[in-house]
Amino acid sequence: MAARITTQQKILNAAEALFARDGFEQTSLRQITHEAGVNLASVNYHFGSKKALIQAVIARYLSVFMPALEEQLNEAEAQKDLKTQALFERFKLPLAKLTQINKRGPDTFLRLLGFAYSEIQGHLRKYTQQEYGNVLQHLLQLLKRTNPHLDEQQMFWRLHFVLGSMVFAQVSGQALIEIAQAEFNQQIGAQDVIDQLIPFVSGGLENS
């Protein structure tokens, strides 16, 4: 017999689906409660605010992704001749683990991150830094190791351009998939987009 879905899970599932489809700013609590089949008081009781609900949706993914990424970074640390592309390739396994949450977990997570970045959800950045700042710092240290020719200012700009490319690829991912199918008869999915993206952002970061 299937486990009963709690009210909290109903709210999280509805919010996740709407946030990933329409973004955080365009999704109202009224839409979420309608989709979840609950009243507004339930959202306030379980989460307290829309920001807290957004953080809870992201937290489901980060709680799986970040520990897996830290394991990958620890393995990368041991590599003598570590390159930027090899470091970015290590994001694949943590992303694949997100299928534990739902079968479209990797795509959903990346779309949520895309909206978080493009809509400037500062509270999410603060939350992520508080909870997983050590993992992010480890990643930055390894990127500096693979790109010793970049100073702090250059690293800042290039990392934000990398993020911008990732946002575009994920928010526009379905359109890119459909264009590739129409123009080149390629049957591809979200993982294929990532495979195309990694060499591009690696080259952009490394270029002196």
Protein backbone atom coordinates (compact mmCIF):
# COMPACT_ATOMS: atom_id res chain seq x y z
CA MET A 1 0.00 0.00 0.00
CA ALA A 2 1.39 3.40 -0.98
CA ALA A 3 2.41 5.70 1.84
CA ARG A 4 0.02 8.54 2.51
CA ILE A 5 1.25 11.92 1.29
CA THR A 6 1.26 14.48 4.09
CA THR A 7 -0.07 18.02 3.70
CA GLN A 8 3.49 19.32 3.87
CA GLN A 9 4.57 17.02 1.03
CA LYS A 10 1.54 18.04 -1.05
CA ILE A 11 2.52 21.69 -0.68
CA LEU A 12 6.18 21.00 -1.50
CA ASN A 13 5.29 18.92 -4.57
CA ALA A 14 2.87 21.54 -5.90
CA ALA A 15 5.28 24.40 -5.23
CA GLU A 16 8.17 22.55 -6.88
CA ALA A 17 6.19 21.83 -10.05
CA LEU A 18 4.95 25.41 -10.37
CA PHE A 19 8.29 27.02 -9.49
CA ALA A 20 10.11 24.84 -12.05
CA ARG A 21 7.53 25.67 -14.72
CA ASP A 22 6.90 29.38 -14.14
CA GLY A 23 9.61 30.62 -11.80
CA PHE A 24 9.41 31.87 -8.23
CA GLU A 25 8.19 35.39 -8.89
CA GLN A 26 5.38 34.38 -11.25
CA THR A 27 4.02 31.68 -8.92
CA SER A 28 1.63 32.83 -6.20
CA LEU A 29 0.77 31.09 -2.95
CA ARG A 30 -2.83 30.99 -4.19
CA GLN A 31 -1.73 28.93 -7.21
CA ILE A 32 0.25 26.60 -4.97
CA THR A 33 -2.61 26.02 -2.53
CA HIS A 34 -5.02 25.39 -5.42
CA GLU A 35 -2.62 22.88 -7.00
CA ALA A 36 -2.00 21.15 -3.66
CA GLY A 37 -5.66 21.14 -2.68
CA VAL A 38 -5.00 22.85 0.67
CA ASN A 39 -5.80 26.22 2.21
CA LEU A 40 -3.44 29.14 2.76
CA ALA A 41 -3.40 28.52 6.50
CA SER A 42 -1.68 25.18 5.82
CA VAL A 43 1.17 26.91 3.98
CA ASN A 44 1.57 29.42 6.79
CA TYR A 45 1.50 26.66 9.40
CA HIS A 46 4.10 24.43 7.72
CA PHE A 47 6.39 27.06 6.19
CA GLY A 48 5.50 30.52 7.48
CA SER A 49 6.28 32.43 4.28
CA LYS A 50 6.80 32.07 0.55
CA LYS A 51 10.56 32.54 0.97
CA ALA A 52 10.68 29.71 3.50
CA LEU A 53 8.69 27.51 1.10
CA ILE A 54 11.10 28.29 -1.73
CA GLN A 55 14.02 27.35 0.53
CA ALA A 56 12.30 24.11 1.54
CA VAL A 57 11.80 23.15 -2.12
CA ILE A 58 15.47 23.80 -2.91
CA ALA A 59 16.59 22.09 0.32
CA ARG A 60 15.13 18.76 -0.82
CA TYR A 61 17.56 18.80 -3.72
CA LEU A 62 20.56 20.36 -2.00
CA SER A 63 20.41 17.78 0.80
CA VAL A 64 21.12 15.10 -1.81
CA PHE A 65 23.24 17.06 -4.29
CA MET A 66 25.70 18.82 -1.98
CA PRO A 67 26.97 15.78 -0.01
CA ALA A 68 27.40 13.89 -3.30
CA LEU A 69 29.26 16.85 -4.80
CA GLU A 70 31.54 17.06 -1.76
CA GLU A 71 32.49 13.41 -2.26
CA GLN A 72 33.34 14.16 -5.88
CA LEU A 73 35.39 17.20 -4.91
CA ASN A 74 37.34 15.16 -2.37
CA GLU A 75 38.19 12.66 -5.12
CA ALA A 76 39.15 15.50 -7.46
CA GLU A 77 41.43 16.92 -4.77
CA ALA A 78 43.56 13.77 -5.00
CA GLN A 79 44.10 14.13 -8.77
CA LYS A 80 47.57 15.41 -9.59
CA ASP A 81 46.81 16.90 -13.01
CA LEU A 82 43.29 18.19 -12.44
CA LYS A 83 41.70 20.13 -15.30
CA THR A 84 38.66 22.40 -15.29
CA GLN A 85 36.59 20.18 -17.57
CA ALA A 86 37.32 17.10 -15.45
CA LEU A 87 36.20 19.08 -12.40
CA PHE A 88 32.92 20.11 -14.05
CA GLU A 89 32.37 16.53 -15.17
CA ARG A 90 32.17 15.60 -11.51
CA PHE A 91 28.84 17.39 -11.28
CA LYS A 92 27.19 14.63 -13.33
CA LEU A 93 26.98 11.97 -10.63
CA PRO A 94 25.52 14.31 -7.97
CA LEU A 95 22.95 15.47 -10.54
CA ALA A 96 22.09 11.87 -11.43
CA LYS A 97 21.42 11.14 -7.76
CA LEU A 98 18.55 13.63 -7.85
CA THR A 99 16.43 10.99 -9.57
CA GLN A 100 16.01 9.68 -6.00
CA ILE A 101 13.67 12.64 -5.45
CA ASN A 102 11.79 12.23 -8.73
CA LYS A 103 12.62 10.84 -12.15
CA ARG A 104 13.04 14.35 -13.58
CA GLY A 105 15.03 15.50 -10.55
CA PRO A 106 18.18 16.71 -12.36
CA ASP A 107 16.21 18.77 -14.88
CA THR A 108 13.90 20.17 -12.19
CA PHE A 109 16.79 21.13 -9.93
CA LEU A 110 18.68 22.92 -12.70
CA ARG A 111 15.55 24.80 -13.76
CA LEU A 112 15.00 25.90 -10.16
CA LEU A 113 18.61 27.09 -9.96
CA GLY A 114 18.15 28.92 -13.24
CA PHE A 115 15.15 30.83 -11.93
CA ALA A 116 16.90 31.47 -8.60
CA TYR A 117 19.78 33.12 -10.45
CA SER A 118 17.82 35.00 -13.11
CA GLU A 119 15.22 36.30 -10.64
CA ILE A 120 17.89 37.30 -8.09
CA GLN A 121 16.55 35.29 -5.15
CA GLY A 122 19.10 36.64 -2.67
CA HIS A 123 17.63 34.72 0.26
CA LEU A 124 18.42 31.45 -1.53
CA ARG A 125 22.04 32.45 -1.96
CA LYS A 126 22.23 33.30 1.74
CA TYR A 127 20.57 30.01 2.69
CA THR A 128 22.91 27.98 0.46
CA GLN A 129 25.97 29.76 1.85
CA GLN A 130 24.84 29.12 5.42
CA GLU A 131 24.11 25.44 4.87
CA TYR A 132 26.73 24.44 2.29
CA GLY A 133 29.30 27.24 2.25
CA ASN A 134 32.09 24.74 2.93
CA VAL A 135 31.27 22.80 -0.25
CA LEU A 136 31.13 25.97 -2.34
CA GLN A 137 34.46 27.14 -0.92
CA HIS A 138 36.00 23.76 -1.72
CA LEU A 139 34.78 24.05 -5.31
CA LEU A 140 36.19 27.58 -5.61
CA GLN A 141 39.57 26.43 -4.27
CA LEU A 142 39.75 23.68 -6.87
CA LEU A 143 38.75 26.06 -9.66
CA LYS A 144 41.55 28.40 -8.57
CA ARG A 145 43.92 25.45 -8.59
CA THR A 146 42.97 24.53 -12.17
CA ASN A 147 43.13 28.18 -13.27
CA PRO A 148 46.10 29.78 -11.48
CA HIS A 149 46.41 32.33 -14.29
CA LEU A 150 43.16 34.03 -13.23
CA ASP A 151 43.16 36.71 -10.54
CA GLU A 152 40.21 37.25 -8.15
CA GLN A 153 38.48 39.74 -10.43
CA GLN A 154 38.81 37.57 -13.53
CA MET A 155 37.55 34.54 -11.61
CA PHE A 156 34.52 36.53 -10.40
CA TRP A 157 33.47 37.56 -13.91
CA ARG A 158 34.10 34.21 -15.55
CA LEU A 159 32.24 32.26 -12.89
CA HIS A 160 29.23 34.53 -13.32
CA PHE A 161 29.39 34.08 -17.09
CA VAL A 162 29.54 30.32 -16.51
CA LEU A 163 26.45 30.62 -14.31
CA GLY A 164 24.75 32.73 -16.96
CA SER A 165 25.41 30.07 -19.59
CA MET A 166 24.03 27.40 -17.28
CA VAL A 167 20.91 29.47 -16.58
CA PHE A 168 20.27 29.97 -20.29
CA ALA A 169 20.83 26.28 -21.04
CA GLN A 170 18.38 25.18 -18.36
CA VAL A 171 15.63 27.78 -18.63
CA SER A 172 15.74 27.44 -22.43
CA GLY A 173 16.60 23.74 -22.32
CA GLN A 174 13.35 22.45 -23.81
CA ALA A 175 13.56 24.92 -26.68
CA LEU A 176 17.16 23.86 -27.37
CA ILE A 177 16.12 20.20 -27.36
CA GLU A 178 13.29 20.88 -29.83
CA ILE A 179 15.54 22.94 -32.13
CA ALA A 180 18.21 20.21 -32.13
CA GLN A 181 15.55 17.66 -33.05
CA ALA A 182 14.15 19.83 -35.83
CA GLU A 183 17.47 21.02 -37.28
CA PHE A 184 19.71 17.97 -36.80
CA ASN A 185 17.26 15.14 -36.10
CA GLN A 186 18.93 14.66 -32.71
CA GLN A 187 16.94 12.84 -30.05
CA ILE A 188 18.40 14.39 -26.93
CA GLY A 189 17.46 15.07 -23.32
CA ALA A 190 18.52 17.30 -20.44
CA GLN A 191 21.67 15.24 -19.78
CA ASP A 192 22.77 15.70 -23.40
CA VAL A 193 22.44 19.47 -22.98
CA ILE A 194 24.76 19.25 -19.96
CA ASP A 195 27.24 17.18 -21.99
CA GLN A 196 27.32 19.96 -24.60
CA LEU A 197 27.54 22.68 -21.96
CA ILE A 198 30.48 21.38 -19.92
CA PRO A 199 33.22 21.74 -22.60
CA PHE A 200 31.90 25.21 -23.47
CA VAL A 201 31.93 26.62 -19.94
CA SER A 202 35.26 24.89 -19.18
CA GLY A 203 36.89 26.54 -22.19
CA GLY A 204 35.39 29.89 -21.33
CA LEU A 205 36.73 29.76 -17.80
CA GLU A 206 40.20 28.55 -18.77
CA ASN A 207 40.83 30.85 -21.73
CA SER A 208 43.70 33.20 -20.89
